[in-house]
């Protein structure tokens, strides 16, 4: 949900990677029940984005979190990660 929240604002090879998530689990959801998630961008600090997220099932709120993502350039990021294989 957080990726979708900012996807229209990213350019060319830009993408984001998750760097931190602090989750509060409130309630279990039974199998086959629909879950929806709401994500709100609450802070931008340079290339770091902070989101407040909430999850709901058909009966109510089931969880919430603060989630951080960092702007990276896809090709450069992938090359750096793959360099570990050498």
PDB file of N, CA and C in Angstrom:
ATOM      1  N   UNK A   1       0.825  -1.196   0.000  1.00  0.00           N
ATOM      2  CA  UNK A   1       0.000   0.000   0.000  1.00  0.00           C
ATOM      3  C   UNK A   1       0.868   1.258   0.000  1.00  0.00           C
ATOM      4  N   UNK A   2       1.991   1.222   0.733  1.00  0.00           N
ATOM      5  CA  UNK A   2       2.871   2.395   0.785  1.00  0.00           C
ATOM      6  C   UNK A   2       3.539   2.633  -0.563  1.00  0.00           C
ATOM      7  N   UNK A   3       3.904   1.571  -1.261  1.00  0.00           N
ATOM      8  CA  UNK A   3       4.501   1.714  -2.595  1.00  0.00           C
ATOM      9  C   UNK A   3       3.513   2.369  -3.552  1.00  0.00           C
ATOM     10  N   UNK A   4       2.279   1.902  -3.521  1.00  0.00           N
ATOM     11  CA  UNK A   4       1.245   2.460  -4.389  1.00  0.00           C
ATOM     12  C   UNK A   4       0.993   3.925  -4.055  1.00  0.00           C
ATOM     13  N   UNK A   5       1.078   4.270  -2.779  1.00  0.00           N
ATOM     14  CA  UNK A   5       0.815   5.628  -2.298  1.00  0.00           C
ATOM     15  C   UNK A   5       1.678   6.671  -3.013  1.00  0.00           C
ATOM     16  N   UNK A   6       2.929   6.326  -3.337  1.00  0.00           N
ATOM     17  CA  UNK A   6       3.831   7.311  -3.948  1.00  0.00           C
ATOM     18  C   UNK A   6       4.259   6.955  -5.369  1.00  0.00           C
ATOM     19  N   UNK A   7       3.769   5.846  -5.919  1.00  0.00           N
ATOM     20  CA  UNK A   7       4.240   5.368  -7.218  1.00  0.00           C
ATOM     21  C   UNK A   7       4.072   6.395  -8.341  1.00  0.00           C
ATOM     22  N   UNK A   8       3.028   7.177  -8.321  1.00  0.00           N
ATOM     23  CA  UNK A   8       2.800   8.172  -9.378  1.00  0.00           C
ATOM     24  C   UNK A   8       3.815   9.311  -9.343  1.00  0.00           C
ATOM     25  N   UNK A   9       4.559   9.444  -8.261  1.00  0.00           N
ATOM     26  CA  UNK A   9       5.504  10.545  -8.101  1.00  0.00           C
ATOM     27  C   UNK A   9       6.954  10.142  -8.379  1.00  0.00           C
ATOM     28  N   UNK A  10       7.182   8.847  -8.617  1.00  0.00           N
ATOM     29  CA  UNK A  10       8.532   8.373  -8.899  1.00  0.00           C
ATOM     30  C   UNK A  10       8.818   8.515 -10.384  1.00  0.00           C
ATOM     31  N   UNK A  11      10.069   8.780 -10.714  1.00  0.00           N
ATOM     32  CA  UNK A  11      10.458   8.993 -12.101  1.00  0.00           C
ATOM     33  C   UNK A  11      11.430   7.920 -12.570  1.00  0.00           C
ATOM     34  N   UNK A  12      11.400   7.642 -13.873  1.00  0.00           N
ATOM     35  CA  UNK A  12      12.349   6.772 -14.562  1.00  0.00           C
ATOM     36  C   UNK A  12      12.683   5.521 -13.762  1.00  0.00           C
ATOM     37  N   UNK A  13      13.918   5.419 -13.274  1.00  0.00           N
ATOM     38  CA  UNK A  13      14.431   4.224 -12.604  1.00  0.00           C
ATOM     39  C   UNK A  13      14.257   4.289 -11.083  1.00  0.00           C
ATOM     40  N   UNK A  14      13.522   5.276 -10.587  1.00  0.00           N
ATOM     41  CA  UNK A  14      13.355   5.402  -9.138  1.00  0.00           C
ATOM     42  C   UNK A  14      12.391   4.344  -8.606  1.00  0.00           C
ATOM     43  N   UNK A  15      12.722   3.831  -7.446  1.00  0.00           N
ATOM     44  CA  UNK A  15      11.851   2.916  -6.723  1.00  0.00           C
ATOM     45  C   UNK A  15      12.134   3.103  -5.233  1.00  0.00           C
ATOM     46  N   UNK A  16      11.425   2.406  -4.389  1.00  0.00           N
ATOM     47  CA  UNK A  16      11.694   2.497  -2.955  1.00  0.00           C
ATOM     48  C   UNK A  16      11.886   1.104  -2.383  1.00  0.00           C
ATOM     49  N   UNK A  17      12.664   1.051  -1.318  1.00  0.00           N
ATOM     50  CA  UNK A  17      12.866  -0.197  -0.580  1.00  0.00           C
ATOM     51  C   UNK A  17      12.470   0.035   0.868  1.00  0.00           C
ATOM     52  N   UNK A  18      11.861  -0.976   1.453  1.00  0.00           N
ATOM     53  CA  UNK A  18      11.485  -0.890   2.858  1.00  0.00           C
ATOM     54  C   UNK A  18      12.711  -0.963   3.748  1.00  0.00           C
ATOM     55  N   UNK A  19      12.779  -0.089   4.742  1.00  0.00           N
ATOM     56  CA  UNK A  19      13.924  -0.069   5.646  1.00  0.00           C
ATOM     57  C   UNK A  19      13.533  -0.301   7.101  1.00  0.00           C
ATOM     58  N   UNK A  20      12.269  -0.078   7.427  1.00  0.00           N
ATOM     59  CA  UNK A  20      11.854  -0.243   8.829  1.00  0.00           C
ATOM     60  C   UNK A  20      10.339  -0.380   8.885  1.00  0.00           C
ATOM     61  N   UNK A  21       9.880  -1.223   9.817  1.00  0.00           N
ATOM     62  CA  UNK A  21       8.441  -1.352  10.040  1.00  0.00           C
ATOM     63  C   UNK A  21       8.219  -1.685  11.515  1.00  0.00           C
ATOM     64  N   UNK A  22       7.304  -0.959  12.130  1.00  0.00           N
ATOM     65  CA  UNK A  22       6.967  -1.170  13.536  1.00  0.00           C
ATOM     66  C   UNK A  22       5.468  -1.470  13.586  1.00  0.00           C
ATOM     67  N   UNK A  23       5.136  -2.741  13.797  1.00  0.00           N
ATOM     68  CA  UNK A  23       3.754  -3.207  13.669  1.00  0.00           C
ATOM     69  C   UNK A  23       3.110  -3.430  15.030  1.00  0.00           C
ATOM     70  N   UNK A  24       1.845  -3.031  15.116  1.00  0.00           N
ATOM     71  CA  UNK A  24       1.015  -3.358  16.274  1.00  0.00           C
ATOM     72  C   UNK A  24      -0.122  -4.242  15.773  1.00  0.00           C
ATOM     73  N   UNK A  25      -0.138  -5.493  16.230  1.00  0.00           N
ATOM     74  CA  UNK A  25      -1.186  -6.438  15.851  1.00  0.00           C
ATOM     75  C   UNK A  25      -2.333  -6.296  16.836  1.00  0.00           C
ATOM     76  N   UNK A  26      -3.526  -6.089  16.326  1.00  0.00           N
ATOM     77  CA  UNK A  26      -4.680  -5.840  17.194  1.00  0.00           C
ATOM     78  C   UNK A  26      -5.627  -7.036  17.250  1.00  0.00           C
ATOM     79  N   UNK A  27      -5.876  -7.648  16.090  1.00  0.00           N
ATOM     80  CA  UNK A  27      -6.873  -8.719  16.046  1.00  0.00           C
ATOM     81  C   UNK A  27      -6.593  -9.661  14.882  1.00  0.00           C
ATOM     82  N   UNK A  28      -6.866 -10.934  15.087  1.00  0.00           N
ATOM     83  CA  UNK A  28      -6.697 -11.933  14.027  1.00  0.00           C
ATOM     84  C   UNK A  28      -7.856 -11.856  13.039  1.00  0.00           C
ATOM     85  N   UNK A  29      -7.572 -12.230  11.802  1.00  0.00           N
ATOM     86  CA  UNK A  29      -8.592 -12.271  10.755  1.00  0.00           C
ATOM     87  C   UNK A  29      -8.812 -13.724  10.345  1.00  0.00           C
ATOM     88  N   UNK A  30     -10.070 -14.171  10.320  1.00  0.00           N
ATOM     89  CA  UNK A  30     -10.330 -15.541   9.905  1.00  0.00           C
ATOM     90  C   UNK A  30     -10.036 -15.750   8.419  1.00  0.00           C
ATOM     91  N   UNK A  31      -9.726 -16.964   8.067  1.00  0.00           N
ATOM     92  CA  UNK A  31      -9.452 -17.314   6.681  1.00  0.00           C
ATOM     93  C   UNK A  31     -10.634 -16.927   5.795  1.00  0.00           C
ATOM     94  N   UNK A  32     -10.324 -16.430   4.606  1.00  0.00           N
ATOM     95  CA  UNK A  32     -11.295 -16.040   3.574  1.00  0.00           C
ATOM     96  C   UNK A  32     -11.986 -14.709   3.843  1.00  0.00           C
ATOM     97  N   UNK A  33     -11.618 -13.987   4.899  1.00  0.00           N
ATOM     98  CA  UNK A  33     -12.179 -12.658   5.122  1.00  0.00           C
ATOM     99  C   UNK A  33     -11.282 -11.640   4.408  1.00  0.00           C
ATOM    100  N   UNK A  34     -11.884 -10.646   3.806  1.00  0.00           N
ATOM    101  CA  UNK A  34     -11.157  -9.622   3.070  1.00  0.00           C
ATOM    102  C   UNK A  34     -10.446  -8.663   4.021  1.00  0.00           C
ATOM    103  N   UNK A  35      -9.191  -8.333   3.676  1.00  0.00           N
ATOM    104  CA  UNK A  35      -8.400  -7.362   4.434  1.00  0.00           C
ATOM    105  C   UNK A  35      -8.078  -6.193   3.511  1.00  0.00           C
ATOM    106  N   UNK A  36      -8.204  -4.973   4.021  1.00  0.00           N
ATOM    107  CA  UNK A  36      -7.801  -3.789   3.254  1.00  0.00           C
ATOM    108  C   UNK A  36      -6.810  -2.992   4.091  1.00  0.00           C
ATOM    109  N   UNK A  37      -5.921  -2.277   3.400  1.00  0.00           N
ATOM    110  CA  UNK A  37      -4.874  -1.514   4.075  1.00  0.00           C
ATOM    111  C   UNK A  37      -4.916  -0.077   3.602  1.00  0.00           C
ATOM    112  N   UNK A  38      -4.751   0.842   4.532  1.00  0.00           N
ATOM    113  CA  UNK A  38      -4.697   2.267   4.232  1.00  0.00           C
ATOM    114  C   UNK A  38      -3.292   2.750   4.592  1.00  0.00           C
ATOM    115  N   UNK A  39      -2.653   3.485   3.676  1.00  0.00           N
ATOM    116  CA  UNK A  39      -1.311   4.007   3.922  1.00  0.00           C
ATOM    117  C   UNK A  39      -1.311   5.506   3.674  1.00  0.00           C
ATOM    118  N   UNK A  40      -0.730   6.254   4.595  1.00  0.00           N
ATOM    119  CA  UNK A  40      -0.670   7.715   4.490  1.00  0.00           C
ATOM    120  C   UNK A  40       0.781   8.156   4.649  1.00  0.00           C
ATOM    121  N   UNK A  41       1.265   8.923   3.687  1.00  0.00           N
ATOM    122  CA  UNK A  41       2.611   9.493   3.776  1.00  0.00           C
ATOM    123  C   UNK A  41       2.574  10.621   4.801  1.00  0.00           C
ATOM    124  N   UNK A  42       3.366  10.487   5.868  1.00  0.00           N
ATOM    125  CA  UNK A  42       3.313  11.489   6.935  1.00  0.00           C
ATOM    126  C   UNK A  42       4.587  12.323   7.053  1.00  0.00           C
ATOM    127  N   UNK A  43       5.682  11.868   6.415  1.00  0.00           N
ATOM    128  CA  UNK A  43       6.923  12.642   6.525  1.00  0.00           C
ATOM    129  C   UNK A  43       7.859  12.281   5.373  1.00  0.00           C
ATOM    130  N   UNK A  44       8.551  13.311   4.866  1.00  0.00           N
ATOM    131  CA  UNK A  44       9.622  13.113   3.894  1.00  0.00           C
ATOM    132  C   UNK A  44      10.863  13.749   4.472  1.00  0.00           C
ATOM    133  N   UNK A  45      11.942  12.973   4.547  1.00  0.00           N
ATOM    134  CA  UNK A  45      13.215  13.475   5.056  1.00  0.00           C
ATOM    135  C   UNK A  45      14.284  13.104   4.022  1.00  0.00           C
ATOM    136  N   UNK A  46      14.545  14.009   3.080  1.00  0.00           N
ATOM    137  CA  UNK A  46      15.463  13.696   1.991  1.00  0.00           C
ATOM    138  C   UNK A  46      14.883  12.593   1.139  1.00  0.00           C
ATOM    139  N   UNK A  47      15.558  11.443   1.108  1.00  0.00           N
ATOM    140  CA  UNK A  47      15.092  10.303   0.311  1.00  0.00           C
ATOM    141  C   UNK A  47      14.331   9.276   1.152  1.00  0.00           C
ATOM    142  N   UNK A  48      14.073   9.592   2.423  1.00  0.00           N
ATOM    143  CA  UNK A  48      13.344   8.688   3.312  1.00  0.00           C
ATOM    144  C   UNK A  48      11.884   9.126   3.441  1.00  0.00           C
ATOM    145  N   UNK A  49      10.993   8.155   3.273  1.00  0.00           N
ATOM    146  CA  UNK A  49       9.557   8.396   3.376  1.00  0.00           C
ATOM    147  C   UNK A  49       9.013   7.622   4.572  1.00  0.00           C
ATOM    148  N   UNK A  50       8.194   8.279   5.384  1.00  0.00           N
ATOM    149  CA  UNK A  50       7.581   7.620   6.532  1.00  0.00           C
ATOM    150  C   UNK A  50       6.072   7.588   6.324  1.00  0.00           C
ATOM    151  N   UNK A  51       5.493   6.408   6.530  1.00  0.00           N
ATOM    152  CA  UNK A  51       4.070   6.189   6.332  1.00  0.00           C
ATOM    153  C   UNK A  51       3.413   5.717   7.617  1.00  0.00           C
ATOM    154  N   UNK A  52       2.156   6.097   7.798  1.00  0.00           N
ATOM    155  CA  UNK A  52       1.309   5.536   8.851  1.00  0.00           C
ATOM    156  C   UNK A  52       0.326   4.620   8.133  1.00  0.00           C
ATOM    157  N   UNK A  53       0.287   3.364   8.522  1.00  0.00           N
ATOM    158  CA  UNK A  53      -0.571   2.383   7.858  1.00  0.00           C
ATOM    159  C   UNK A  53      -1.549   1.780   8.859  1.00  0.00           C
ATOM    160  N   UNK A  54      -2.722   1.434   8.351  1.00  0.00           N
ATOM    161  CA  UNK A  54      -3.723   0.744   9.157  1.00  0.00           C
ATOM    162  C   UNK A  54      -4.302  -0.385   8.316  1.00  0.00           C
ATOM    163  N   UNK A  55      -4.584  -1.507   8.956  1.00  0.00           N
ATOM    164  CA  UNK A  55      -5.194  -2.653   8.281  1.00  0.00           C
ATOM    165  C   UNK A  55      -6.542  -2.950   8.923  1.00  0.00           C
ATOM    166  N   UNK A  56      -7.504  -3.303   8.082  1.00  0.00           N
ATOM    167  CA  UNK A  56      -8.870  -3.572   8.533  1.00  0.00           C
ATOM    168  C   UNK A  56      -9.378  -4.845   7.877  1.00  0.00           C
ATOM    169  N   UNK A  57     -10.136  -5.631   8.629  1.00  0.00           N
ATOM    170  CA  UNK A  57     -10.902  -6.699   7.998  1.00  0.00           C
ATOM    171  C   UNK A  57     -12.364  -6.270   8.034  1.00  0.00           C
ATOM    172  N   UNK A  58     -13.251  -7.156   7.679  1.00  0.00           N
ATOM    173  CA  UNK A  58     -14.673  -6.799   7.582  1.00  0.00           C
ATOM    174  C   UNK A  58     -15.293  -6.450   8.930  1.00  0.00           C
ATOM    175  N   UNK A  59     -14.615  -6.807  10.030  1.00  0.00           N
ATOM    176  CA  UNK A  59     -15.146  -6.541  11.366  1.00  0.00           C
ATOM    177  C   UNK A  59     -14.527  -5.314  12.023  1.00  0.00           C
ATOM    178  N   UNK A  60     -13.432  -4.777  11.443  1.00  0.00           N
ATOM    179  CA  UNK A  60     -12.815  -3.603  12.046  1.00  0.00           C
ATOM    180  C   UNK A  60     -11.301  -3.601  11.914  1.00  0.00           C
ATOM    181  N   UNK A  61     -10.670  -2.730  12.684  1.00  0.00           N
ATOM    182  CA  UNK A  61      -9.217  -2.551  12.627  1.00  0.00           C
ATOM    183  C   UNK A  61      -8.500  -3.767  13.197  1.00  0.00           C
ATOM    184  N   UNK A  62      -7.487  -4.241  12.448  1.00  0.00           N
ATOM    185  CA  UNK A  62      -6.741  -5.423  12.889  1.00  0.00           C
ATOM    186  C   UNK A  62      -5.267  -5.135  13.149  1.00  0.00           C
ATOM    187  N   UNK A  63      -4.790  -3.970  12.694  1.00  0.00           N
ATOM    188  CA  UNK A  63      -3.390  -3.649  12.914  1.00  0.00           C
ATOM    189  C   UNK A  63      -3.048  -2.253  12.454  1.00  0.00           C
ATOM    190  N   UNK A  64      -1.869  -1.801  12.883  1.00  0.00           N
ATOM    191  CA  UNK A  64      -1.375  -0.483  12.472  1.00  0.00           C
ATOM    192  C   UNK A  64       0.139  -0.517  12.506  1.00  0.00           C
ATOM    193  N   UNK A  65       0.758   0.392  11.764  1.00  0.00           N
ATOM    194  CA  UNK A  65       2.214   0.415  11.784  1.00  0.00           C
ATOM    195  C   UNK A  65       2.741   1.763  11.326  1.00  0.00           C
ATOM    196  N   UNK A  66       4.006   1.993  11.649  1.00  0.00           N
ATOM    197  CA  UNK A  66       4.801   3.057  11.058  1.00  0.00           C
ATOM    198  C   UNK A  66       5.799   2.338  10.163  1.00  0.00           C
ATOM    199  N   UNK A  67       5.876   2.785   8.932  1.00  0.00           N
ATOM    200  CA  UNK A  67       6.672   2.092   7.916  1.00  0.00           C
ATOM    201  C   UNK A  67       7.566   3.108   7.211  1.00  0.00           C
ATOM    202  N   UNK A  68       8.854   2.791   7.076  1.00  0.00           N
ATOM    203  CA  UNK A  68       9.795   3.683   6.389  1.00  0.00           C
ATOM    204  C   UNK A  68      10.299   3.014   5.116  1.00  0.00           C
ATOM    205  N   UNK A  69      10.421   3.828   4.079  1.00  0.00           N
ATOM    206  CA  UNK A  69      10.955   3.382   2.798  1.00  0.00           C
ATOM    207  C   UNK A  69      11.983   4.402   2.342  1.00  0.00           C
ATOM    208  N   UNK A  70      12.933   3.944   1.529  1.00  0.00           N
ATOM    209  CA  UNK A  70      14.019   4.809   1.069  1.00  0.00           C
ATOM    210  C   UNK A  70      14.063   4.785  -0.449  1.00  0.00           C
ATOM    211  N   UNK A  71      14.198   5.963  -1.055  1.00  0.00           N
ATOM    212  CA  UNK A  71      14.276   6.105  -2.504  1.00  0.00           C
ATOM    213  C   UNK A  71      15.614   5.585  -3.006  1.00  0.00           C
ATOM    214  N   UNK A  72      15.581   4.684  -3.992  1.00  0.00           N
ATOM    215  CA  UNK A  72      16.794   4.165  -4.622  1.00  0.00           C
ATOM    216  C   UNK A  72      16.588   4.169  -6.133  1.00  0.00           C
ATOM    217  N   UNK A  73      17.672   3.958  -6.848  1.00  0.00           N
ATOM    218  CA  UNK A  73      17.624   3.846  -8.296  1.00  0.00           C
ATOM    219  C   UNK A  73      17.753   2.365  -8.630  1.00  0.00           C
ATOM    220  N   UNK A  74      16.738   1.811  -9.280  1.00  0.00           N
ATOM    221  CA  UNK A  74      16.595   0.379  -9.472  1.00  0.00           C
ATOM    222  C   UNK A  74      17.825  -0.340  -9.988  1.00  0.00           C
ATOM    223  N   UNK A  75      18.373   0.112 -11.105  1.00  0.00           N
ATOM    224  CA  UNK A  75      19.511  -0.584 -11.701  1.00  0.00           C
ATOM    225  C   UNK A  75      20.735  -0.535 -10.795  1.00  0.00           C
ATOM    226  N   UNK A  76      21.029   0.629 -10.239  1.00  0.00           N
ATOM    227  CA  UNK A  76      22.179   0.783  -9.337  1.00  0.00           C
ATOM    228  C   UNK A  76      22.007  -0.091  -8.091  1.00  0.00           C
ATOM    229  N   UNK A  77      20.806  -0.097  -7.535  1.00  0.00           N
ATOM    230  CA  UNK A  77      20.516  -0.894  -6.343  1.00  0.00           C
ATOM    231  C   UNK A  77      20.704  -2.386  -6.626  1.00  0.00           C
ATOM    232  N   UNK A  78      20.165  -2.831  -7.758  1.00  0.00           N
ATOM    233  CA  UNK A  78      20.270  -4.247  -8.125  1.00  0.00           C
ATOM    234  C   UNK A  78      21.724  -4.655  -8.344  1.00  0.00           C
ATOM    235  N   UNK A  79      22.498  -3.824  -9.031  1.00  0.00           N
ATOM    236  CA  UNK A  79      23.923  -4.132  -9.262  1.00  0.00           C
ATOM    237  C   UNK A  79      24.678  -4.234  -7.950  1.00  0.00           C
ATOM    238  N   UNK A  80      24.401  -3.332  -7.022  1.00  0.00           N
ATOM    239  CA  UNK A  80      25.090  -3.363  -5.731  1.00  0.00           C
ATOM    240  C   UNK A  80      24.738  -4.641  -4.969  1.00  0.00           C
ATOM    241  N   UNK A  81      23.461  -5.012  -4.980  1.00  0.00           N
ATOM    242  CA  UNK A  81      23.052  -6.236  -4.287  1.00  0.00           C
ATOM    243  C   UNK A  81      23.684  -7.465  -4.941  1.00  0.00           C
ATOM    244  N   UNK A  82      23.699  -7.498  -6.265  1.00  0.00           N
ATOM    245  CA  UNK A  82      24.257  -8.656  -6.978  1.00  0.00           C
ATOM    246  C   UNK A  82      25.772  -8.751  -6.841  1.00  0.00           C
ATOM    247  N   UNK A  83      26.421  -7.636  -6.514  1.00  0.00           N
ATOM    248  CA  UNK A  83      27.888  -7.666  -6.356  1.00  0.00           C
ATOM    249  C   UNK A  83      28.290  -8.562  -5.175  1.00  0.00           C
ATOM    250  N   UNK A  84      27.390  -8.845  -4.292  1.00  0.00           N
ATOM    251  CA  UNK A  84      27.667  -9.755  -3.171  1.00  0.00           C
ATOM    252  C   UNK A  84      27.911 -11.180  -3.651  1.00  0.00           C
ATOM    253  N   UNK A  85      27.434 -11.491  -4.845  1.00  0.00           N
ATOM    254  CA  UNK A  85      27.570 -12.850  -5.385  1.00  0.00           C
ATOM    255  C   UNK A  85      28.957 -13.135  -5.900  1.00  0.00           C
ATOM    256  N   UNK A  86      29.745 -12.116  -6.145  1.00  0.00           N
ATOM    257  CA  UNK A  86      31.087 -12.287  -6.726  1.00  0.00           C
ATOM    258  C   UNK A  86      32.097 -12.682  -5.666  1.00  0.00           C
TER     259      UNK A  86
END
